[in-house]
Amino acid sequence: MSNIATGSAERKFMMYGPRPSASRICSFSEESAEKMIPGITNVNLDLTTNCDQRCPNCCAAVGLGRVLQHHPWEYFERAAKVLYGIERVNCTGGEPTFHPQFAEFVPRFKELFGCKVLAMTTDGWGVNKHFDVISATFDEIDFSYYHTNPGALAMIKHLMPHIRLNVYDAGQGASNFTPRDKIGPGGACERAWWRSGTIAYADGRVHGCCVAPGIKPDGGLLTIAMESAMEIPDPPCASCWWSE
């Protein structure tokens, strides 16, 4: 998984300034998709916390204490109850292609979430195995390049030209990652939901930025009682290496 989990550097941040007071996601319906907080356009959706990499500074904390699991279909149905109609769903992990039902689940996501753009953050592990599904399903790919899967990167570039490709050079052994123990000043960076337009849904919880699941996994638990209104937790900036 990329250490810059928001995706491409070309993606424009939606909002700036102080945190807005409105911070509740309300349940969507096909007739009324305007209930999402204005500016929230993207969700980083964990498919699995399993990965072929074991990066010592993984922003998702894979191999650093998080429970390793593949999420069932019911998990995504629960998420869609509050996220339906969001513009962009970014499939993340772990390595999303590691999920044993990747080819079964992913083609159903656009209908399930009502999103316009389906994206994936990957290191290329399962690109060859799932070539047809990836080519037919995704609009964007954020490729984390560890110099281990050059064939997969070339395959996307040359055989999937219809997919928008963004490449992050993670370096060999994830050498370009920011050290997790290099904690910043504690202020919200551009990844905070009110600046980036991005939230995360990981381990059944909503998080206020893309890297929060790897820092403070106890985000806003999505329970049956909360499916009609979900508070977005503040990002754990005081413990983050990217805080400002």
C-alpha atoms as a PDB file:
ATOM      1  CA  MET A   1       0.000   0.000   0.000  1.00  0.00           C
ATOM      2  CA  SER A   2       1.164   3.508  -0.770  1.00  0.00           C
ATOM      3  CA  ASN A   3       2.619   5.671   1.972  1.00  0.00           C
ATOM      4  CA  ILE A   4       0.663   8.567   0.448  1.00  0.00           C
ATOM      5  CA  ALA A   5      -2.701   6.912   0.647  1.00  0.00           C
ATOM      6  CA  THR A   6      -4.686   9.828  -0.755  1.00  0.00           C
ATOM      7  CA  GLY A   7      -3.532   8.714  -4.213  1.00  0.00           C
ATOM      8  CA  SER A   8      -2.188  10.908  -6.981  1.00  0.00           C
ATOM      9  CA  ALA A   9      -0.344  14.111  -6.273  1.00  0.00           C
ATOM     10  CA  GLU A  10      -2.434  15.535  -9.099  1.00  0.00           C
ATOM     11  CA  ARG A  11      -5.655  15.157  -7.112  1.00  0.00           C
ATOM     12  CA  LYS A  12      -6.753  18.574  -5.913  1.00  0.00           C
ATOM     13  CA  PHE A  13      -7.626  19.125  -2.286  1.00  0.00           C
ATOM     14  CA  MET A  14     -11.201  20.238  -1.888  1.00  0.00           C
ATOM     15  CA  MET A  15     -11.203  22.502   1.162  1.00  0.00           C
ATOM     16  CA  TYR A  16      -8.829  24.573   3.239  1.00  0.00           C
ATOM     17  CA  GLY A  17      -8.932  26.453   6.515  1.00  0.00           C
ATOM     18  CA  PRO A  18     -10.366  25.370   9.875  1.00  0.00           C
ATOM     19  CA  ARG A  19     -12.358  22.216  10.435  1.00  0.00           C
ATOM     20  CA  PRO A  20     -16.033  22.831   9.575  1.00  0.00           C
ATOM     21  CA  SER A  21     -18.619  22.304  12.282  1.00  0.00           C
ATOM     22  CA  ALA A  22     -20.730  19.892  10.220  1.00  0.00           C
ATOM     23  CA  SER A  23     -19.141  16.478  10.464  1.00  0.00           C
ATOM     24  CA  ARG A  24     -21.879  13.902  10.119  1.00  0.00           C
ATOM     25  CA  ILE A  25     -22.346  11.570   7.182  1.00  0.00           C
ATOM     26  CA  CYS A  26     -25.999  10.768   6.658  1.00  0.00           C
ATOM     27  CA  SER A  27     -27.445   7.729   4.989  1.00  0.00           C
ATOM     28  CA  PHE A  28     -27.707   7.982   1.225  1.00  0.00           C
ATOM     29  CA  SER A  29     -30.552   6.941  -1.012  1.00  0.00           C
ATOM     30  CA  GLU A  30     -30.673   6.783  -4.783  1.00  0.00           C
ATOM     31  CA  GLU A  31     -33.063   9.760  -4.769  1.00  0.00           C
ATOM     32  CA  SER A  32     -31.045  11.879  -2.315  1.00  0.00           C
ATOM     33  CA  ALA A  33     -27.275  11.768  -2.560  1.00  0.00           C
ATOM     34  CA  GLU A  34     -26.731  15.307  -1.311  1.00  0.00           C
ATOM     35  CA  LYS A  35     -26.680  14.304   2.357  1.00  0.00           C
ATOM     36  CA  MET A  36     -22.942  13.658   2.385  1.00  0.00           C
ATOM     37  CA  ILE A  37     -20.938  16.509   3.850  1.00  0.00           C
ATOM     38  CA  PRO A  38     -20.108  18.912   0.980  1.00  0.00           C
ATOM     39  CA  GLY A  39     -16.585  18.262  -0.236  1.00  0.00           C
ATOM     40  CA  ILE A  40     -16.346  14.609   0.829  1.00  0.00           C
ATOM     41  CA  THR A  41     -15.690  13.006  -2.531  1.00  0.00           C
ATOM     42  CA  ASN A  42     -13.486   9.978  -1.840  1.00  0.00           C
ATOM     43  CA  VAL A  43     -13.344   7.034   0.537  1.00  0.00           C
ATOM     44  CA  ASN A  44     -10.353   4.741   0.940  1.00  0.00           C
ATOM     45  CA  LEU A  45     -12.026   1.374   1.367  1.00  0.00           C
ATOM     46  CA  ASP A  46     -10.066  -1.495   2.905  1.00  0.00           C
ATOM     47  CA  LEU A  47     -10.680  -4.800   1.132  1.00  0.00           C
ATOM     48  CA  THR A  48      -8.162  -6.654   3.242  1.00  0.00           C
ATOM     49  CA  THR A  49      -5.376  -6.029   5.730  1.00  0.00           C
ATOM     50  CA  ASN A  50      -3.262  -8.781   4.187  1.00  0.00           C
ATOM     51  CA  CYS A  51      -0.345  -7.767   1.963  1.00  0.00           C
ATOM     52  CA  ASP A  52       2.637  -9.214   0.126  1.00  0.00           C
ATOM     53  CA  GLN A  53       4.820  -6.429   1.558  1.00  0.00           C
ATOM     54  CA  ARG A  54       5.980  -5.918   5.136  1.00  0.00           C
ATOM     55  CA  CYS A  55       7.052  -2.287   5.114  1.00  0.00           C
ATOM     56  CA  PRO A  56       8.501  -1.168   8.456  1.00  0.00           C
ATOM     57  CA  ASN A  57       6.840   2.251   8.059  1.00  0.00           C
ATOM     58  CA  CYS A  58       3.555   1.119   6.521  1.00  0.00           C
ATOM     59  CA  CYS A  59       1.009   3.910   6.935  1.00  0.00           C
ATOM     60  CA  ALA A  60      -1.743   1.299   7.263  1.00  0.00           C
ATOM     61  CA  ALA A  61       0.178  -0.541  10.004  1.00  0.00           C
ATOM     62  CA  VAL A  62      -0.009  -3.832   8.125  1.00  0.00           C
ATOM     63  CA  GLY A  63       2.238  -6.214  10.019  1.00  0.00           C
ATOM     64  CA  LEU A  64       2.506  -3.655  12.815  1.00  0.00           C
ATOM     65  CA  GLY A  65      -0.337  -4.746  15.044  1.00  0.00           C
ATOM     66  CA  ARG A  66      -3.497  -4.653  12.940  1.00  0.00           C
ATOM     67  CA  VAL A  67      -5.517  -7.842  12.672  1.00  0.00           C
ATOM     68  CA  LEU A  68      -4.919  -9.517   9.308  1.00  0.00           C
ATOM     69  CA  GLN A  69      -8.262 -10.301   7.699  1.00  0.00           C
ATOM     70  CA  HIS A  70     -10.176 -10.420   4.417  1.00  0.00           C
ATOM     71  CA  HIS A  71     -13.502  -8.603   4.642  1.00  0.00           C
ATOM     72  CA  PRO A  72     -16.730 -10.416   3.633  1.00  0.00           C
ATOM     73  CA  TRP A  73     -19.400  -9.040   1.300  1.00  0.00           C
ATOM     74  CA  GLU A  74     -21.590  -8.054   4.263  1.00  0.00           C
ATOM     75  CA  TYR A  75     -18.841  -5.691   5.396  1.00  0.00           C
ATOM     76  CA  PHE A  76     -19.114  -3.719   2.146  1.00  0.00           C
ATOM     77  CA  GLU A  77     -22.910  -3.737   2.235  1.00  0.00           C
ATOM     78  CA  ARG A  78     -22.740  -2.144   5.674  1.00  0.00           C
ATOM     79  CA  ALA A  79     -20.329   0.525   4.417  1.00  0.00           C
ATOM     80  CA  ALA A  80     -22.547   1.326   1.429  1.00  0.00           C
ATOM     81  CA  LYS A  81     -25.439   2.215   3.742  1.00  0.00           C
ATOM     82  CA  VAL A  82     -23.664   5.446   4.690  1.00  0.00           C
ATOM     83  CA  LEU A  83     -21.408   5.932   1.667  1.00  0.00           C
ATOM     84  CA  TYR A  84     -23.839   5.403  -1.206  1.00  0.00           C
ATOM     85  CA  GLY A  85     -23.470   8.137  -3.818  1.00  0.00           C
ATOM     86  CA  ILE A  86     -19.914   9.156  -2.943  1.00  0.00           C
ATOM     87  CA  GLU A  87     -18.040  10.205  -6.081  1.00  0.00           C
ATOM     88  CA  ARG A  88     -14.945   8.014  -5.764  1.00  0.00           C
ATOM     89  CA  VAL A  89     -14.233   4.703  -4.034  1.00  0.00           C
ATOM     90  CA  ASN A  90     -10.558   3.781  -3.743  1.00  0.00           C
ATOM     91  CA  CYS A  91      -9.939   0.096  -2.998  1.00  0.00           C
ATOM     92  CA  THR A  92      -7.027  -0.224  -0.610  1.00  0.00           C
ATOM     93  CA  GLY A  93      -5.531  -2.586   1.949  1.00  0.00           C
ATOM     94  CA  GLY A  94      -3.126  -4.178   2.585  1.00  0.00           C
ATOM     95  CA  GLU A  95      -2.887  -5.210  -1.020  1.00  0.00           C
ATOM     96  CA  PRO A  96      -6.439  -5.305  -2.426  1.00  0.00           C
ATOM     97  CA  THR A  97      -5.660  -7.999  -5.002  1.00  0.00           C
ATOM     98  CA  PHE A  98      -4.713 -10.280  -2.089  1.00  0.00           C
ATOM     99  CA  HIS A  99      -8.404 -10.679  -1.265  1.00  0.00           C
ATOM    100  CA  PRO A 100      -9.492 -14.196  -2.305  1.00  0.00           C
ATOM    101  CA  GLN A 101     -12.806 -12.844  -3.652  1.00  0.00           C
ATOM    102  CA  PHE A 102     -11.340  -9.786  -5.368  1.00  0.00           C
ATOM    103  CA  ALA A 103     -12.618 -10.851  -8.798  1.00  0.00           C
ATOM    104  CA  GLU A 104     -16.085 -11.519  -7.400  1.00  0.00           C
ATOM    105  CA  PHE A 105     -16.538  -8.390  -5.276  1.00  0.00           C
ATOM    106  CA  VAL A 106     -14.868  -5.557  -7.186  1.00  0.00           C
ATOM    107  CA  PRO A 107     -17.085  -5.618 -10.321  1.00  0.00           C
ATOM    108  CA  ARG A 108     -20.101  -5.077  -8.043  1.00  0.00           C
ATOM    109  CA  PHE A 109     -18.760  -2.024  -6.211  1.00  0.00           C
ATOM    110  CA  LYS A 110     -19.923   0.717  -8.583  1.00  0.00           C
ATOM    111  CA  GLU A 111     -23.506  -0.434  -8.288  1.00  0.00           C
ATOM    112  CA  LEU A 112     -23.224  -1.063  -4.554  1.00  0.00           C
ATOM    113  CA  PHE A 113     -21.748   2.373  -3.737  1.00  0.00           C
ATOM    114  CA  GLY A 114     -23.291   4.369  -6.576  1.00  0.00           C
ATOM    115  CA  CYS A 115     -19.876   5.915  -7.290  1.00  0.00           C
ATOM    116  CA  LYS A 116     -18.700   7.492 -10.529  1.00  0.00           C
ATOM    117  CA  VAL A 117     -15.038   6.534 -10.153  1.00  0.00           C
ATOM    118  CA  LEU A 118     -13.650   3.224  -8.931  1.00  0.00           C
ATOM    119  CA  ALA A 119      -9.953   3.314  -8.115  1.00  0.00           C
ATOM    120  CA  MET A 120      -7.382   1.016  -6.544  1.00  0.00           C
ATOM    121  CA  THR A 121      -4.100   1.470  -4.692  1.00  0.00           C
ATOM    122  CA  THR A 122      -1.871  -1.503  -5.494  1.00  0.00           C
ATOM    123  CA  ASP A 123       1.738  -2.640  -5.700  1.00  0.00           C
ATOM    124  CA  GLY A 124       0.876  -4.813  -8.683  1.00  0.00           C
ATOM    125  CA  TRP A 125       0.903  -8.161  -6.883  1.00  0.00           C
ATOM    126  CA  GLY A 126      -2.278  -9.505  -8.506  1.00  0.00           C
ATOM    127  CA  VAL A 127      -2.377  -7.510 -11.734  1.00  0.00           C
ATOM    128  CA  ASN A 128      -1.491 -10.454 -13.948  1.00  0.00           C
ATOM    129  CA  LYS A 129      -3.884 -12.802 -12.142  1.00  0.00           C
ATOM    130  CA  HIS A 130      -6.795 -10.363 -12.281  1.00  0.00           C
ATOM    131  CA  PHE A 131      -5.954  -8.640 -15.563  1.00  0.00           C
ATOM    132  CA  ASP A 132      -9.431  -8.922 -17.121  1.00  0.00           C
ATOM    133  CA  VAL A 133     -11.291  -7.753 -14.008  1.00  0.00           C
ATOM    134  CA  ILE A 134      -8.961  -4.828 -13.415  1.00  0.00           C
ATOM    135  CA  SER A 135      -9.057  -3.716 -17.047  1.00  0.00           C
ATOM    136  CA  ALA A 136     -12.855  -3.875 -17.214  1.00  0.00           C
ATOM    137  CA  THR A 137     -13.626  -2.406 -13.799  1.00  0.00           C
ATOM    138  CA  PHE A 138     -11.262   0.349 -12.673  1.00  0.00           C
ATOM    139  CA  ASP A 139     -11.099   3.974 -13.786  1.00  0.00           C
ATOM    140  CA  GLU A 140      -7.913   4.865 -11.882  1.00  0.00           C
ATOM    141  CA  ILE A 141      -4.964   3.019 -10.393  1.00  0.00           C
ATOM    142  CA  ASP A 142      -2.552   4.458  -7.841  1.00  0.00           C
ATOM    143  CA  PHE A 143       0.511   2.253  -8.206  1.00  0.00           C
ATOM    144  CA  SER A 144       2.967   1.980  -5.317  1.00  0.00           C
ATOM    145  CA  TYR A 145       6.195   0.963  -7.012  1.00  0.00           C
ATOM    146  CA  TYR A 146       8.564  -1.015  -4.779  1.00  0.00           C
ATOM    147  CA  HIS A 147      10.739  -2.063  -7.751  1.00  0.00           C
ATOM    148  CA  THR A 148       9.427  -5.608  -7.293  1.00  0.00           C
ATOM    149  CA  ASN A 149       6.691  -5.785  -9.955  1.00  0.00           C
ATOM    150  CA  PRO A 150       7.958  -3.903 -13.031  1.00  0.00           C
ATOM    151  CA  GLY A 151       6.008  -6.262 -15.276  1.00  0.00           C
ATOM    152  CA  ALA A 152       2.731  -5.340 -13.611  1.00  0.00           C
ATOM    153  CA  LEU A 153       3.446  -1.632 -13.975  1.00  0.00           C
ATOM    154  CA  ALA A 154       4.299  -2.069 -17.648  1.00  0.00           C
ATOM    155  CA  MET A 155       1.149  -4.117 -18.176  1.00  0.00           C
ATOM    156  CA  ILE A 156      -1.054  -1.355 -16.812  1.00  0.00           C
ATOM    157  CA  LYS A 157       0.773   1.338 -18.787  1.00  0.00           C
ATOM    158  CA  HIS A 158       0.677  -0.407 -22.137  1.00  0.00           C
ATOM    159  CA  LEU A 159      -2.309  -2.767 -22.010  1.00  0.00           C
ATOM    160  CA  MET A 160      -4.729  -0.666 -19.958  1.00  0.00           C
ATOM    161  CA  PRO A 161      -4.336   2.825 -21.477  1.00  0.00           C
ATOM    162  CA  HIS A 162      -7.965   3.647 -20.634  1.00  0.00           C
ATOM    163  CA  ILE A 163      -7.150   3.556 -16.907  1.00  0.00           C
ATOM    164  CA  ARG A 164      -5.699   6.702 -15.381  1.00  0.00           C
ATOM    165  CA  LEU A 165      -2.404   5.661 -13.803  1.00  0.00           C
ATOM    166  CA  ASN A 166      -0.597   7.471 -10.990  1.00  0.00           C
ATOM    167  CA  VAL A 167       2.747   6.077  -9.810  1.00  0.00           C
ATOM    168  CA  TYR A 168       4.379   6.609  -6.433  1.00  0.00           C
ATOM    169  CA  ASP A 169       8.008   5.464  -6.219  1.00  0.00           C
ATOM    170  CA  ALA A 170       8.072   3.763  -2.814  1.00  0.00           C
ATOM    171  CA  GLY A 171      11.698   2.729  -3.299  1.00  0.00           C
ATOM    172  CA  GLN A 172      13.239  -0.681  -2.745  1.00  0.00           C
ATOM    173  CA  GLY A 173      12.126  -2.006   0.600  1.00  0.00           C
ATOM    174  CA  ALA A 174       9.849   1.039   0.932  1.00  0.00           C
ATOM    175  CA  SER A 175      12.930   3.200   1.456  1.00  0.00           C
ATOM    176  CA  ASN A 176      11.069   6.360   0.405  1.00  0.00           C
ATOM    177  CA  PHE A 177       8.464   6.048   3.139  1.00  0.00           C
ATOM    178  CA  THR A 178       8.369   8.670   5.885  1.00  0.00           C
ATOM    179  CA  PRO A 179       9.434   7.106   9.218  1.00  0.00           C
ATOM    180  CA  ARG A 180       6.439   6.508  11.469  1.00  0.00           C
ATOM    181  CA  ASP A 181       8.346   7.687  14.542  1.00  0.00           C
ATOM    182  CA  LYS A 182       9.043  11.115  13.034  1.00  0.00           C
ATOM    183  CA  ILE A 183       5.990  12.757  14.613  1.00  0.00           C
ATOM    184  CA  GLY A 184       5.082  16.210  13.314  1.00  0.00           C
ATOM    185  CA  PRO A 185       3.897  19.316  15.207  1.00  0.00           C
ATOM    186  CA  GLY A 186       0.368  17.976  15.594  1.00  0.00           C
ATOM    187  CA  GLY A 187      -1.690  20.160  13.263  1.00  0.00           C
ATOM    188  CA  ALA A 188      -3.964  18.845  10.524  1.00  0.00           C
ATOM    189  CA  CYS A 189      -2.197  18.296   7.186  1.00  0.00           C
ATOM    190  CA  GLU A 190      -3.662  18.188   3.692  1.00  0.00           C
ATOM    191  CA  ARG A 191      -4.930  14.639   4.329  1.00  0.00           C
ATOM    192  CA  ALA A 192      -7.522  15.754   6.915  1.00  0.00           C
ATOM    193  CA  TRP A 193     -11.044  15.119   5.608  1.00  0.00           C
ATOM    194  CA  TRP A 194     -12.026  18.789   5.457  1.00  0.00           C
ATOM    195  CA  ARG A 195      -8.953  19.567   3.319  1.00  0.00           C
ATOM    196  CA  SER A 196      -8.628  16.455   1.166  1.00  0.00           C
ATOM    197  CA  GLY A 197     -12.260  15.475   0.691  1.00  0.00           C
ATOM    198  CA  THR A 198     -11.149  11.953   1.703  1.00  0.00           C
ATOM    199  CA  ILE A 199     -12.243   9.693   4.527  1.00  0.00           C
ATOM    200  CA  ALA A 200     -11.320   6.080   5.179  1.00  0.00           C
ATOM    201  CA  TYR A 201     -13.445   3.056   5.933  1.00  0.00           C
ATOM    202  CA  ALA A 202     -11.343   0.383   7.579  1.00  0.00           C
ATOM    203  CA  ASP A 203     -12.097  -2.531   9.898  1.00  0.00           C
ATOM    204  CA  GLY A 204     -15.750  -1.496  10.062  1.00  0.00           C
ATOM    205  CA  ARG A 205     -15.007   2.073  11.150  1.00  0.00           C
ATOM    206  CA  VAL A 206     -15.050   5.513   9.561  1.00  0.00           C
ATOM    207  CA  HIS A 207     -11.821   7.531   9.882  1.00  0.00           C
ATOM    208  CA  GLY A 208     -11.126  11.229   9.389  1.00  0.00           C
ATOM    209  CA  CYS A 209      -8.154  10.834   7.044  1.00  0.00           C
ATOM    210  CA  CYS A 210      -6.543   8.249   4.811  1.00  0.00           C
ATOM    211  CA  VAL A 211      -3.828   7.138   7.254  1.00  0.00           C
ATOM    212  CA  ALA A 212      -5.815   7.186  10.510  1.00  0.00           C
ATOM    213  CA  PRO A 213      -6.538   3.413  10.400  1.00  0.00           C
ATOM    214  CA  GLY A 214      -2.815   2.785  10.727  1.00  0.00           C
ATOM    215  CA  ILE A 215      -2.403   5.210  13.632  1.00  0.00           C
ATOM    216  CA  LYS A 216      -5.597   5.018  15.644  1.00  0.00           C
ATOM    217  CA  PRO A 217      -7.656   2.042  14.495  1.00  0.00           C
ATOM    218  CA  ASP A 218     -10.541   2.785  16.884  1.00  0.00           C
ATOM    219  CA  GLY A 219     -12.327   5.226  14.593  1.00  0.00           C
ATOM    220  CA  GLY A 220     -16.086   5.771  14.487  1.00  0.00           C
ATOM    221  CA  LEU A 221     -17.597   2.301  14.724  1.00  0.00           C
ATOM    222  CA  LEU A 222     -20.351   1.787  12.173  1.00  0.00           C
ATOM    223  CA  THR A 223     -23.075  -0.019  14.079  1.00  0.00           C
ATOM    224  CA  ILE A 224     -26.670  -0.659  13.096  1.00  0.00           C
ATOM    225  CA  ALA A 225     -27.807   2.245  15.273  1.00  0.00           C
ATOM    226  CA  MET A 226     -25.427   4.618  13.506  1.00  0.00           C
ATOM    227  CA  GLU A 227     -26.276   3.751   9.918  1.00  0.00           C
ATOM    228  CA  SER A 228     -28.563   6.777   9.618  1.00  0.00           C
ATOM    229  CA  ALA A 229     -25.928   9.268  10.801  1.00  0.00           C
ATOM    230  CA  MET A 230     -22.190   8.778  11.187  1.00  0.00           C
ATOM    231  CA  GLU A 231     -19.881  11.221  12.951  1.00  0.00           C
ATOM    232  CA  ILE A 232     -16.493  11.603  11.278  1.00  0.00           C
ATOM    233  CA  PRO A 233     -13.757  11.375  13.916  1.00  0.00           C
ATOM    234  CA  ASP A 234     -10.977  13.939  13.831  1.00  0.00           C
ATOM    235  CA  PRO A 235      -7.696  12.628  12.389  1.00  0.00           C
ATOM    236  CA  PRO A 236      -5.119  11.503  14.996  1.00  0.00           C
ATOM    237  CA  CYS A 237      -2.758  14.358  14.066  1.00  0.00           C
ATOM    238  CA  ALA A 238      -0.981  14.402  17.429  1.00  0.00           C
ATOM    239  CA  SER A 239       0.420  10.936  16.650  1.00  0.00           C
ATOM    240  CA  CYS A 240       1.064  11.388  12.920  1.00  0.00           C
ATOM    241  CA  TRP A 241       4.371  11.778  11.107  1.00  0.00           C
ATOM    242  CA  TRP A 242       2.708  14.037   8.525  1.00  0.00           C
ATOM    243  CA  SER A 243       1.106  16.503  10.932  1.00  0.00           C
ATOM    244  CA  GLU A 244       1.910  20.170  10.471  1.00  0.00           C
END
